[in-house]
């Protein structure tokens, strides 16, 4: 960060430019100051970088989908880049430190919940992590699991915000946003489980007393995922509230692109593995979410 002594000449130069413009064009109200123009340029560059990263994710996911059996390096690349894009997208509306705090809390709670479940069976049920999940933090939980939680929660929240645009001024908007985010995170997990357990072997669910399962996953796991999602949102929502009042920003489709891209990857991989019931359910749920997103985007 520049010192005060180094910032003053730059600020004076900006002020001189503004005064000069007003003196050359007296009575004219400029739409943008120099500072605003700099902010707009930075926002455009960030947006270009985000969509370039999205294109890279799309290429890598396509390679994963059409040429299965690739190395774990490609999976790690997709997860890391998707996490970075998920965090960077929210910085277009909120300060970076707020987003990093929310991401850290999400990773901590989600990762701890999965690690606890591997040790005690609570809250998701008994599971065993596979070697393909990657090295473990403190021999407790693989490094990929906290990042998956960041991707799931932040992008589910982005999709929920898009859906709720018509109800932005509703009194209980915050509580509704938490509930819909948790439900979208649950849909994300419904698509993730067959992919993670049967295609990538990131983890293996152990048998429980509940005989009904979704491709080996107990209903307890989905109830636990829903509860943990609500808990995470309860902790991170205060840091994700926009403190500066103003007009509603235009719809941001980046979280929706990431969320639907993940569902397509999970469903496509499940189809390659012959898990057609998972493909059908993913398609139905994604279609319903698309309709609500389309309505929200038109508002």
C-alpha atoms as a PDB file:
ATOM      1  CA  UNK A   1       0.000   0.000   0.000  1.00  0.00           C
ATOM      2  CA  UNK A   2       1.300   3.473  -0.887  1.00  0.00           C
ATOM      3  CA  UNK A   3       2.228   5.802   1.918  1.00  0.00           C
ATOM      4  CA  UNK A   4       0.361   9.061   2.477  1.00  0.00           C
ATOM      5  CA  UNK A   5       3.300  11.048   1.100  1.00  0.00           C
ATOM      6  CA  UNK A   6       3.205   9.074  -2.142  1.00  0.00           C
ATOM      7  CA  UNK A   7      -0.593   9.192  -2.468  1.00  0.00           C
ATOM      8  CA  UNK A   8      -0.924  12.962  -2.150  1.00  0.00           C
ATOM      9  CA  UNK A   9       0.699  13.859  -5.519  1.00  0.00           C
ATOM     10  CA  UNK A  10      -1.551  11.374  -7.319  1.00  0.00           C
ATOM     11  CA  UNK A  11      -4.662  12.710  -5.593  1.00  0.00           C
ATOM     12  CA  UNK A  12      -3.637  16.280  -6.398  1.00  0.00           C
ATOM     13  CA  UNK A  13      -3.131  15.322 -10.041  1.00  0.00           C
ATOM     14  CA  UNK A  14      -6.618  13.816 -10.192  1.00  0.00           C
ATOM     15  CA  UNK A  15      -8.058  16.955  -8.639  1.00  0.00           C
ATOM     16  CA  UNK A  16      -6.223  19.161 -11.139  1.00  0.00           C
ATOM     17  CA  UNK A  17      -7.656  17.113 -14.021  1.00  0.00           C
ATOM     18  CA  UNK A  18     -11.160  17.503 -12.625  1.00  0.00           C
ATOM     19  CA  UNK A  19     -10.775  21.279 -12.149  1.00  0.00           C
ATOM     20  CA  UNK A  20      -9.354  21.613 -15.660  1.00  0.00           C
ATOM     21  CA  UNK A  21     -12.272  19.744 -17.163  1.00  0.00           C
ATOM     22  CA  UNK A  22     -14.807  21.914 -15.351  1.00  0.00           C
ATOM     23  CA  UNK A  23     -12.979  25.080 -16.411  1.00  0.00           C
ATOM     24  CA  UNK A  24     -12.890  24.001 -20.076  1.00  0.00           C
ATOM     25  CA  UNK A  25     -16.520  22.888 -20.047  1.00  0.00           C
ATOM     26  CA  UNK A  26     -18.245  25.199 -17.547  1.00  0.00           C
ATOM     27  CA  UNK A  27     -21.730  24.216 -16.511  1.00  0.00           C
ATOM     28  CA  UNK A  28     -21.351  20.655 -17.812  1.00  0.00           C
ATOM     29  CA  UNK A  29     -21.991  17.837 -15.344  1.00  0.00           C
ATOM     30  CA  UNK A  30     -19.608  14.997 -15.968  1.00  0.00           C
ATOM     31  CA  UNK A  31     -21.110  11.552 -15.516  1.00  0.00           C
ATOM     32  CA  UNK A  32     -17.877  10.069 -14.174  1.00  0.00           C
ATOM     33  CA  UNK A  33     -14.993  11.383 -12.142  1.00  0.00           C
ATOM     34  CA  UNK A  34     -11.493  10.068 -12.744  1.00  0.00           C
ATOM     35  CA  UNK A  35     -11.758   7.848  -9.661  1.00  0.00           C
ATOM     36  CA  UNK A  36     -15.035   6.402 -10.928  1.00  0.00           C
ATOM     37  CA  UNK A  37     -13.525   5.692 -14.332  1.00  0.00           C
ATOM     38  CA  UNK A  38     -10.640   3.874 -12.646  1.00  0.00           C
ATOM     39  CA  UNK A  39     -13.114   1.796 -10.630  1.00  0.00           C
ATOM     40  CA  UNK A  40     -15.118   0.941 -13.768  1.00  0.00           C
ATOM     41  CA  UNK A  41     -11.957  -0.107 -15.599  1.00  0.00           C
ATOM     42  CA  UNK A  42     -10.909  -2.322 -12.674  1.00  0.00           C
ATOM     43  CA  UNK A  43     -14.368  -3.911 -12.542  1.00  0.00           C
ATOM     44  CA  UNK A  44     -14.259  -4.673 -16.266  1.00  0.00           C
ATOM     45  CA  UNK A  45     -10.811  -6.232 -16.003  1.00  0.00           C
ATOM     46  CA  UNK A  46     -11.975  -8.381 -13.079  1.00  0.00           C
ATOM     47  CA  UNK A  47     -15.039  -9.449 -15.055  1.00  0.00           C
ATOM     48  CA  UNK A  48     -12.895 -10.406 -18.066  1.00  0.00           C
ATOM     49  CA  UNK A  49     -10.550 -12.412 -15.848  1.00  0.00           C
ATOM     50  CA  UNK A  50     -13.485 -14.210 -14.233  1.00  0.00           C
ATOM     51  CA  UNK A  51     -15.006 -15.213 -17.550  1.00  0.00           C
ATOM     52  CA  UNK A  52     -11.588 -16.254 -18.896  1.00  0.00           C
ATOM     53  CA  UNK A  53     -11.207 -18.505 -15.857  1.00  0.00           C
ATOM     54  CA  UNK A  54     -14.739 -19.798 -16.466  1.00  0.00           C
ATOM     55  CA  UNK A  55     -13.719 -20.710 -20.016  1.00  0.00           C
ATOM     56  CA  UNK A  56     -10.715 -22.621 -18.683  1.00  0.00           C
ATOM     57  CA  UNK A  57     -12.968 -24.472 -16.247  1.00  0.00           C
ATOM     58  CA  UNK A  58     -15.310 -25.319 -19.115  1.00  0.00           C
ATOM     59  CA  UNK A  59     -12.476 -26.701 -21.245  1.00  0.00           C
ATOM     60  CA  UNK A  60     -11.114 -28.761 -18.348  1.00  0.00           C
ATOM     61  CA  UNK A  61     -14.579 -30.039 -17.406  1.00  0.00           C
ATOM     62  CA  UNK A  62     -15.277 -30.987 -21.040  1.00  0.00           C
ATOM     63  CA  UNK A  63     -12.055 -32.953 -21.161  1.00  0.00           C
ATOM     64  CA  UNK A  64     -13.048 -34.622 -17.891  1.00  0.00           C
ATOM     65  CA  UNK A  65     -16.502 -35.410 -19.265  1.00  0.00           C
ATOM     66  CA  UNK A  66     -15.575 -36.698 -22.717  1.00  0.00           C
ATOM     67  CA  UNK A  67     -12.300 -38.325 -21.734  1.00  0.00           C
ATOM     68  CA  UNK A  68     -12.900 -39.860 -18.287  1.00  0.00           C
ATOM     69  CA  UNK A  69     -10.116 -41.475 -16.354  1.00  0.00           C
ATOM     70  CA  UNK A  70      -7.819 -38.442 -16.407  1.00  0.00           C
ATOM     71  CA  UNK A  71      -5.254 -37.801 -13.694  1.00  0.00           C
ATOM     72  CA  UNK A  72      -6.179 -36.288 -10.365  1.00  0.00           C
ATOM     73  CA  UNK A  73      -4.235 -33.181 -11.390  1.00  0.00           C
ATOM     74  CA  UNK A  74      -7.061 -32.123 -13.702  1.00  0.00           C
ATOM     75  CA  UNK A  75      -9.629 -32.586 -10.931  1.00  0.00           C
ATOM     76  CA  UNK A  76      -7.500 -30.487  -8.573  1.00  0.00           C
ATOM     77  CA  UNK A  77      -7.178 -27.776 -11.238  1.00  0.00           C
ATOM     78  CA  UNK A  78     -10.957 -27.604 -11.720  1.00  0.00           C
ATOM     79  CA  UNK A  79     -11.668 -27.451  -7.979  1.00  0.00           C
ATOM     80  CA  UNK A  80      -9.008 -24.806  -7.283  1.00  0.00           C
ATOM     81  CA  UNK A  81      -9.999 -22.567 -10.195  1.00  0.00           C
ATOM     82  CA  UNK A  82     -13.712 -22.921  -9.420  1.00  0.00           C
ATOM     83  CA  UNK A  83     -13.003 -21.890  -5.817  1.00  0.00           C
ATOM     84  CA  UNK A  84     -11.046 -18.828  -6.926  1.00  0.00           C
ATOM     85  CA  UNK A  85     -13.807 -17.781  -9.337  1.00  0.00           C
ATOM     86  CA  UNK A  86     -16.480 -18.350  -6.671  1.00  0.00           C
ATOM     87  CA  UNK A  87     -14.667 -15.979  -4.301  1.00  0.00           C
ATOM     88  CA  UNK A  88     -13.706 -13.425  -6.965  1.00  0.00           C
ATOM     89  CA  UNK A  89     -17.289 -13.165  -8.231  1.00  0.00           C
ATOM     90  CA  UNK A  90     -18.625 -11.964  -4.888  1.00  0.00           C
ATOM     91  CA  UNK A  91     -15.895  -9.289  -4.658  1.00  0.00           C
ATOM     92  CA  UNK A  92     -17.747  -7.383  -7.377  1.00  0.00           C
ATOM     93  CA  UNK A  93     -20.312  -6.387  -4.730  1.00  0.00           C
ATOM     94  CA  UNK A  94     -18.473  -6.730  -1.411  1.00  0.00           C
ATOM     95  CA  UNK A  95     -15.003  -6.072   0.063  1.00  0.00           C
ATOM     96  CA  UNK A  96     -12.441  -8.828  -0.391  1.00  0.00           C
ATOM     97  CA  UNK A  97     -11.834  -9.255   3.349  1.00  0.00           C
ATOM     98  CA  UNK A  98     -15.533 -10.006   3.882  1.00  0.00           C
ATOM     99  CA  UNK A  99     -15.498 -12.666   1.178  1.00  0.00           C
ATOM    100  CA  UNK A 100     -12.317 -14.282   2.453  1.00  0.00           C
ATOM    101  CA  UNK A 101     -13.789 -14.410   5.957  1.00  0.00           C
ATOM    102  CA  UNK A 102     -16.990 -16.020   4.644  1.00  0.00           C
ATOM    103  CA  UNK A 103     -15.010 -18.513   2.562  1.00  0.00           C
ATOM    104  CA  UNK A 104     -12.802 -19.422   5.524  1.00  0.00           C
ATOM    105  CA  UNK A 105     -15.818 -19.983   7.800  1.00  0.00           C
ATOM    106  CA  UNK A 106     -17.501 -22.081   5.104  1.00  0.00           C
ATOM    107  CA  UNK A 107     -14.408 -24.227   4.600  1.00  0.00           C
ATOM    108  CA  UNK A 108     -13.895 -24.607   8.338  1.00  0.00           C
ATOM    109  CA  UNK A 109     -17.452 -25.660   9.203  1.00  0.00           C
ATOM    110  CA  UNK A 110     -18.000 -27.812   6.115  1.00  0.00           C
ATOM    111  CA  UNK A 111     -14.608 -29.513   6.357  1.00  0.00           C
ATOM    112  CA  UNK A 112     -14.987 -30.090  10.099  1.00  0.00           C
ATOM    113  CA  UNK A 113     -18.447 -31.599   9.583  1.00  0.00           C
ATOM    114  CA  UNK A 114     -17.123 -34.056   6.995  1.00  0.00           C
ATOM    115  CA  UNK A 115     -14.115 -34.948   9.139  1.00  0.00           C
ATOM    116  CA  UNK A 116     -16.323 -35.457  12.184  1.00  0.00           C
ATOM    117  CA  UNK A 117     -18.635 -37.655  10.166  1.00  0.00           C
ATOM    118  CA  UNK A 118     -15.685 -39.821   9.081  1.00  0.00           C
ATOM    119  CA  UNK A 119     -14.689 -40.214  12.729  1.00  0.00           C
ATOM    120  CA  UNK A 120     -18.076 -40.582  14.453  1.00  0.00           C
ATOM    121  CA  UNK A 121     -20.753 -40.879  11.761  1.00  0.00           C
ATOM    122  CA  UNK A 122     -22.275 -37.514  12.741  1.00  0.00           C
ATOM    123  CA  UNK A 123     -23.776 -35.469  11.071  1.00  0.00           C
ATOM    124  CA  UNK A 124     -23.759 -37.137   7.627  1.00  0.00           C
ATOM    125  CA  UNK A 125     -23.342 -40.795   8.524  1.00  0.00           C
ATOM    126  CA  UNK A 126     -20.289 -43.061   8.483  1.00  0.00           C
ATOM    127  CA  UNK A 127     -17.984 -42.599   5.506  1.00  0.00           C
ATOM    128  CA  UNK A 128     -14.419 -43.357   4.464  1.00  0.00           C
ATOM    129  CA  UNK A 129     -12.356 -40.991   2.343  1.00  0.00           C
ATOM    130  CA  UNK A 130     -10.682 -42.450  -0.736  1.00  0.00           C
ATOM    131  CA  UNK A 131      -7.136 -41.788  -1.869  1.00  0.00           C
ATOM    132  CA  UNK A 132      -8.391 -39.846  -4.894  1.00  0.00           C
ATOM    133  CA  UNK A 133      -9.754 -37.163  -2.532  1.00  0.00           C
ATOM    134  CA  UNK A 134      -6.181 -35.982  -1.994  1.00  0.00           C
ATOM    135  CA  UNK A 135      -3.934 -35.401   1.021  1.00  0.00           C
ATOM    136  CA  UNK A 136      -5.650 -34.749   4.337  1.00  0.00           C
ATOM    137  CA  UNK A 137      -5.397 -31.769   6.649  1.00  0.00           C
ATOM    138  CA  UNK A 138      -4.005 -33.058   9.958  1.00  0.00           C
ATOM    139  CA  UNK A 139      -4.895 -36.579   8.789  1.00  0.00           C
ATOM    140  CA  UNK A 140      -8.520 -35.510   9.287  1.00  0.00           C
ATOM    141  CA  UNK A 141     -10.192 -34.340   6.070  1.00  0.00           C
ATOM    142  CA  UNK A 142      -8.990 -34.162   2.423  1.00  0.00           C
ATOM    143  CA  UNK A 143      -8.103 -30.697   1.142  1.00  0.00           C
ATOM    144  CA  UNK A 144     -10.717 -30.947  -1.624  1.00  0.00           C
ATOM    145  CA  UNK A 145     -13.682 -31.191   0.756  1.00  0.00           C
ATOM    146  CA  UNK A 146     -13.525 -27.648   2.257  1.00  0.00           C
ATOM    147  CA  UNK A 147     -13.139 -26.219  -1.263  1.00  0.00           C
ATOM    148  CA  UNK A 148     -16.208 -28.134  -2.444  1.00  0.00           C
ATOM    149  CA  UNK A 149     -18.151 -26.512   0.382  1.00  0.00           C
ATOM    150  CA  UNK A 150     -16.987 -23.042  -0.703  1.00  0.00           C
ATOM    151  CA  UNK A 151     -18.065 -23.746  -4.284  1.00  0.00           C
ATOM    152  CA  UNK A 152     -21.422 -25.149  -3.182  1.00  0.00           C
ATOM    153  CA  UNK A 153     -22.362 -22.432  -0.681  1.00  0.00           C
ATOM    154  CA  UNK A 154     -21.157 -19.280  -2.459  1.00  0.00           C
ATOM    155  CA  UNK A 155     -22.611 -20.235  -5.831  1.00  0.00           C
ATOM    156  CA  UNK A 156     -25.859 -21.525  -4.327  1.00  0.00           C
ATOM    157  CA  UNK A 157     -26.171 -18.148  -2.635  1.00  0.00           C
ATOM    158  CA  UNK A 158     -25.534 -16.400  -5.955  1.00  0.00           C
ATOM    159  CA  UNK A 159     -28.254 -18.456  -7.647  1.00  0.00           C
ATOM    160  CA  UNK A 160     -30.612 -17.751  -4.745  1.00  0.00           C
ATOM    161  CA  UNK A 161     -29.989 -14.003  -5.103  1.00  0.00           C
ATOM    162  CA  UNK A 162     -30.825 -14.260  -8.804  1.00  0.00           C
ATOM    163  CA  UNK A 163     -34.053 -16.142  -8.062  1.00  0.00           C
ATOM    164  CA  UNK A 164     -35.083 -13.664  -5.356  1.00  0.00           C
ATOM    165  CA  UNK A 165     -34.565 -10.458  -7.364  1.00  0.00           C
ATOM    166  CA  UNK A 166     -38.354  -9.818  -7.545  1.00  0.00           C
ATOM    167  CA  UNK A 167     -38.556 -10.058  -3.752  1.00  0.00           C
ATOM    168  CA  UNK A 168     -35.461  -8.024  -2.893  1.00  0.00           C
ATOM    169  CA  UNK A 169     -37.488  -5.566  -0.780  1.00  0.00           C
ATOM    170  CA  UNK A 170     -39.414  -8.178   1.181  1.00  0.00           C
ATOM    171  CA  UNK A 171     -39.085  -7.760   4.942  1.00  0.00           C
ATOM    172  CA  UNK A 172     -37.802 -11.306   5.602  1.00  0.00           C
ATOM    173  CA  UNK A 173     -35.550 -11.397   2.532  1.00  0.00           C
ATOM    174  CA  UNK A 174     -32.478 -12.430   4.554  1.00  0.00           C
ATOM    175  CA  UNK A 175     -34.139 -15.486   6.070  1.00  0.00           C
ATOM    176  CA  UNK A 176     -35.615 -16.504   2.712  1.00  0.00           C
ATOM    177  CA  UNK A 177     -32.171 -16.161   1.119  1.00  0.00           C
ATOM    178  CA  UNK A 178     -30.649 -18.463   3.755  1.00  0.00           C
ATOM    179  CA  UNK A 179     -33.398 -21.072   3.238  1.00  0.00           C
ATOM    180  CA  UNK A 180     -33.178 -21.095  -0.574  1.00  0.00           C
ATOM    181  CA  UNK A 181     -29.372 -21.137  -0.478  1.00  0.00           C
ATOM    182  CA  UNK A 182     -29.486 -24.212   1.769  1.00  0.00           C
ATOM    183  CA  UNK A 183     -31.969 -25.943  -0.538  1.00  0.00           C
ATOM    184  CA  UNK A 184     -29.840 -25.190  -3.606  1.00  0.00           C
ATOM    185  CA  UNK A 185     -26.803 -26.517  -1.744  1.00  0.00           C
ATOM    186  CA  UNK A 186     -28.832 -29.669  -1.056  1.00  0.00           C
ATOM    187  CA  UNK A 187     -29.589 -30.007  -4.791  1.00  0.00           C
ATOM    188  CA  UNK A 188     -25.858 -29.547  -5.425  1.00  0.00           C
ATOM    189  CA  UNK A 189     -25.137 -32.423  -3.029  1.00  0.00           C
ATOM    190  CA  UNK A 190     -27.800 -34.657  -4.596  1.00  0.00           C
ATOM    191  CA  UNK A 191     -25.942 -34.316  -7.884  1.00  0.00           C
ATOM    192  CA  UNK A 192     -22.508 -34.513  -6.244  1.00  0.00           C
ATOM    193  CA  UNK A 193     -22.934 -37.753  -4.304  1.00  0.00           C
ATOM    194  CA  UNK A 194     -23.150 -40.256  -7.206  1.00  0.00           C
ATOM    195  CA  UNK A 195     -20.270 -38.436  -8.907  1.00  0.00           C
ATOM    196  CA  UNK A 196     -18.080 -38.320  -5.784  1.00  0.00           C
ATOM    197  CA  UNK A 197     -18.818 -41.817  -4.479  1.00  0.00           C
ATOM    198  CA  UNK A 198     -19.163 -43.896  -7.647  1.00  0.00           C
ATOM    199  CA  UNK A 199     -17.298 -41.998 -10.387  1.00  0.00           C
ATOM    200  CA  UNK A 200     -14.381 -40.349  -8.570  1.00  0.00           C
ATOM    201  CA  UNK A 201     -14.366 -42.474  -5.400  1.00  0.00           C
ATOM    202  CA  UNK A 202     -13.670 -39.414  -3.249  1.00  0.00           C
ATOM    203  CA  UNK A 203     -15.447 -41.098  -0.370  1.00  0.00           C
ATOM    204  CA  UNK A 204     -17.372 -44.280   0.366  1.00  0.00           C
ATOM    205  CA  UNK A 205     -20.502 -44.384   2.494  1.00  0.00           C
ATOM    206  CA  UNK A 206     -20.734 -47.183   5.046  1.00  0.00           C
ATOM    207  CA  UNK A 207     -24.008 -49.127   5.522  1.00  0.00           C
ATOM    208  CA  UNK A 208     -26.457 -47.820   8.116  1.00  0.00           C
ATOM    209  CA  UNK A 209     -29.719 -49.059   9.619  1.00  0.00           C
ATOM    210  CA  UNK A 210     -31.612 -47.031   7.003  1.00  0.00           C
ATOM    211  CA  UNK A 211     -32.117 -49.351   4.047  1.00  0.00           C
ATOM    212  CA  UNK A 212     -33.247 -46.621   1.609  1.00  0.00           C
ATOM    213  CA  UNK A 213     -30.287 -44.913  -0.037  1.00  0.00           C
ATOM    214  CA  UNK A 214     -29.528 -42.675  -3.008  1.00  0.00           C
ATOM    215  CA  UNK A 215     -26.770 -44.528  -4.846  1.00  0.00           C
ATOM    216  CA  UNK A 216     -25.366 -45.671  -1.523  1.00  0.00           C
ATOM    217  CA  UNK A 217     -25.910 -42.359   0.281  1.00  0.00           C
ATOM    218  CA  UNK A 218     -28.176 -42.413   3.318  1.00  0.00           C
ATOM    219  CA  UNK A 219     -30.951 -39.797   3.656  1.00  0.00           C
ATOM    220  CA  UNK A 220     -29.158 -38.813   6.873  1.00  0.00           C
ATOM    221  CA  UNK A 221     -26.327 -37.418   4.758  1.00  0.00           C
ATOM    222  CA  UNK A 222     -28.657 -35.067   2.884  1.00  0.00           C
ATOM    223  CA  UNK A 223     -30.398 -33.915   6.063  1.00  0.00           C
ATOM    224  CA  UNK A 224     -26.977 -33.276   7.577  1.00  0.00           C
ATOM    225  CA  UNK A 225     -25.864 -31.354   4.484  1.00  0.00           C
ATOM    226  CA  UNK A 226     -28.993 -29.190   4.682  1.00  0.00           C
ATOM    227  CA  UNK A 227     -28.454 -28.485   8.395  1.00  0.00           C
ATOM    228  CA  UNK A 228     -24.763 -27.658   7.947  1.00  0.00           C
ATOM    229  CA  UNK A 229     -25.618 -25.351   5.014  1.00  0.00           C
ATOM    230  CA  UNK A 230     -28.070 -23.421   7.195  1.00  0.00           C
ATOM    231  CA  UNK A 231     -25.458 -23.222   9.965  1.00  0.00           C
ATOM    232  CA  UNK A 232     -22.817 -21.898   7.566  1.00  0.00           C
ATOM    233  CA  UNK A 233     -25.204 -19.288   6.154  1.00  0.00           C
ATOM    234  CA  UNK A 234     -26.127 -18.165   9.657  1.00  0.00           C
ATOM    235  CA  UNK A 235     -22.441 -17.457  10.370  1.00  0.00           C
ATOM    236  CA  UNK A 236     -21.413 -15.869   7.065  1.00  0.00           C
ATOM    237  CA  UNK A 237     -24.525 -13.846   6.172  1.00  0.00           C
ATOM    238  CA  UNK A 238     -23.588 -10.801   8.333  1.00  0.00           C
ATOM    239  CA  UNK A 239     -20.287 -10.458   6.453  1.00  0.00           C
ATOM    240  CA  UNK A 240     -22.069 -10.757   3.095  1.00  0.00           C
ATOM    241  CA  UNK A 241     -24.564  -7.958   3.681  1.00  0.00           C
ATOM    242  CA  UNK A 242     -23.999  -4.916   1.509  1.00  0.00           C
ATOM    243  CA  UNK A 243     -23.612  -2.003   3.907  1.00  0.00           C
ATOM    244  CA  UNK A 244     -23.882   0.781   1.303  1.00  0.00           C
ATOM    245  CA  UNK A 245     -27.464   1.477   0.163  1.00  0.00           C
ATOM    246  CA  UNK A 246     -28.162   1.992  -3.505  1.00  0.00           C
ATOM    247  CA  UNK A 247     -30.006   0.769  -6.545  1.00  0.00           C
ATOM    248  CA  UNK A 248     -30.271  -2.958  -7.115  1.00  0.00           C
ATOM    249  CA  UNK A 249     -27.254  -4.111  -9.150  1.00  0.00           C
ATOM    250  CA  UNK A 250     -27.793  -5.859 -12.482  1.00  0.00           C
ATOM    251  CA  UNK A 251     -28.115  -9.646 -12.344  1.00  0.00           C
ATOM    252  CA  UNK A 252     -24.846 -11.553 -12.041  1.00  0.00           C
ATOM    253  CA  UNK A 253     -24.907 -14.824 -13.961  1.00  0.00           C
ATOM    254  CA  UNK A 254     -21.444 -16.074 -12.969  1.00  0.00           C
ATOM    255  CA  UNK A 255     -22.602 -18.044  -9.868  1.00  0.00           C
ATOM    256  CA  UNK A 256     -25.410 -19.573 -11.912  1.00  0.00           C
ATOM    257  CA  UNK A 257     -22.947 -20.555 -14.651  1.00  0.00           C
ATOM    258  CA  UNK A 258     -20.705 -22.257 -12.090  1.00  0.00           C
ATOM    259  CA  UNK A 259     -23.597 -23.929 -10.285  1.00  0.00           C
ATOM    260  CA  UNK A 260     -25.226 -25.277 -13.450  1.00  0.00           C
ATOM    261  CA  UNK A 261     -21.829 -26.192 -14.879  1.00  0.00           C
ATOM    262  CA  UNK A 262     -21.157 -28.349 -11.827  1.00  0.00           C
ATOM    263  CA  UNK A 263     -24.571 -30.025 -12.137  1.00  0.00           C
ATOM    264  CA  UNK A 264     -23.912 -30.752 -15.829  1.00  0.00           C
ATOM    265  CA  UNK A 265     -20.495 -32.228 -15.007  1.00  0.00           C
ATOM    266  CA  UNK A 266     -21.946 -34.407 -12.236  1.00  0.00           C
ATOM    267  CA  UNK A 267     -24.863 -35.561 -14.383  1.00  0.00           C
ATOM    268  CA  UNK A 268     -22.725 -36.208 -17.452  1.00  0.00           C
ATOM    269  CA  UNK A 269     -20.210 -38.243 -15.488  1.00  0.00           C
ATOM    270  CA  UNK A 270     -23.024 -40.185 -13.833  1.00  0.00           C
ATOM    271  CA  UNK A 271     -24.430 -40.954 -17.274  1.00  0.00           C
ATOM    272  CA  UNK A 272     -21.053 -42.249 -18.463  1.00  0.00           C
ATOM    273  CA  UNK A 273     -21.065 -44.543 -15.401  1.00  0.00           C
ATOM    274  CA  UNK A 274     -24.583 -45.781 -16.188  1.00  0.00           C
ATOM    275  CA  UNK A 275     -26.245 -44.010 -13.234  1.00  0.00           C
ATOM    276  CA  UNK A 276     -29.256 -42.878 -15.252  1.00  0.00           C
ATOM    277  CA  UNK A 277     -31.565 -42.248 -12.318  1.00  0.00           C
ATOM    278  CA  UNK A 278     -29.076 -39.633 -11.104  1.00  0.00           C
ATOM    279  CA  UNK A 279     -29.007 -38.057 -14.562  1.00  0.00           C
ATOM    280  CA  UNK A 280     -32.814 -37.816 -14.686  1.00  0.00           C
ATOM    281  CA  UNK A 281     -33.091 -36.299 -11.205  1.00  0.00           C
ATOM    282  CA  UNK A 282     -30.298 -33.800 -11.923  1.00  0.00           C
ATOM    283  CA  UNK A 283     -32.008 -32.749 -15.170  1.00  0.00           C
ATOM    284  CA  UNK A 284     -35.396 -32.287 -13.504  1.00  0.00           C
ATOM    285  CA  UNK A 285     -34.071 -30.284 -10.554  1.00  0.00           C
ATOM    286  CA  UNK A 286     -31.813 -28.147 -12.763  1.00  0.00           C
ATOM    287  CA  UNK A 287     -34.739 -27.389 -15.097  1.00  0.00           C
ATOM    288  CA  UNK A 288     -36.843 -26.159 -12.184  1.00  0.00           C
ATOM    289  CA  UNK A 289     -34.006 -23.930 -10.972  1.00  0.00           C
ATOM    290  CA  UNK A 290     -33.497 -22.583 -14.519  1.00  0.00           C
ATOM    291  CA  UNK A 291     -37.146 -21.464 -14.661  1.00  0.00           C
ATOM    292  CA  UNK A 292     -36.865 -19.552 -11.387  1.00  0.00           C
ATOM    293  CA  UNK A 293     -33.536 -18.002 -12.457  1.00  0.00           C
ATOM    294  CA  UNK A 294     -35.023 -16.913 -15.754  1.00  0.00           C
ATOM    295  CA  UNK A 295     -37.915 -15.222 -13.948  1.00  0.00           C
ATOM    296  CA  UNK A 296     -35.535 -13.480 -11.560  1.00  0.00           C
ATOM    297  CA  UNK A 297     -33.230 -12.309 -14.353  1.00  0.00           C
ATOM    298  CA  UNK A 298     -36.136 -10.722 -16.243  1.00  0.00           C
ATOM    299  CA  UNK A 299     -37.153  -8.649 -13.221  1.00  0.00           C
END
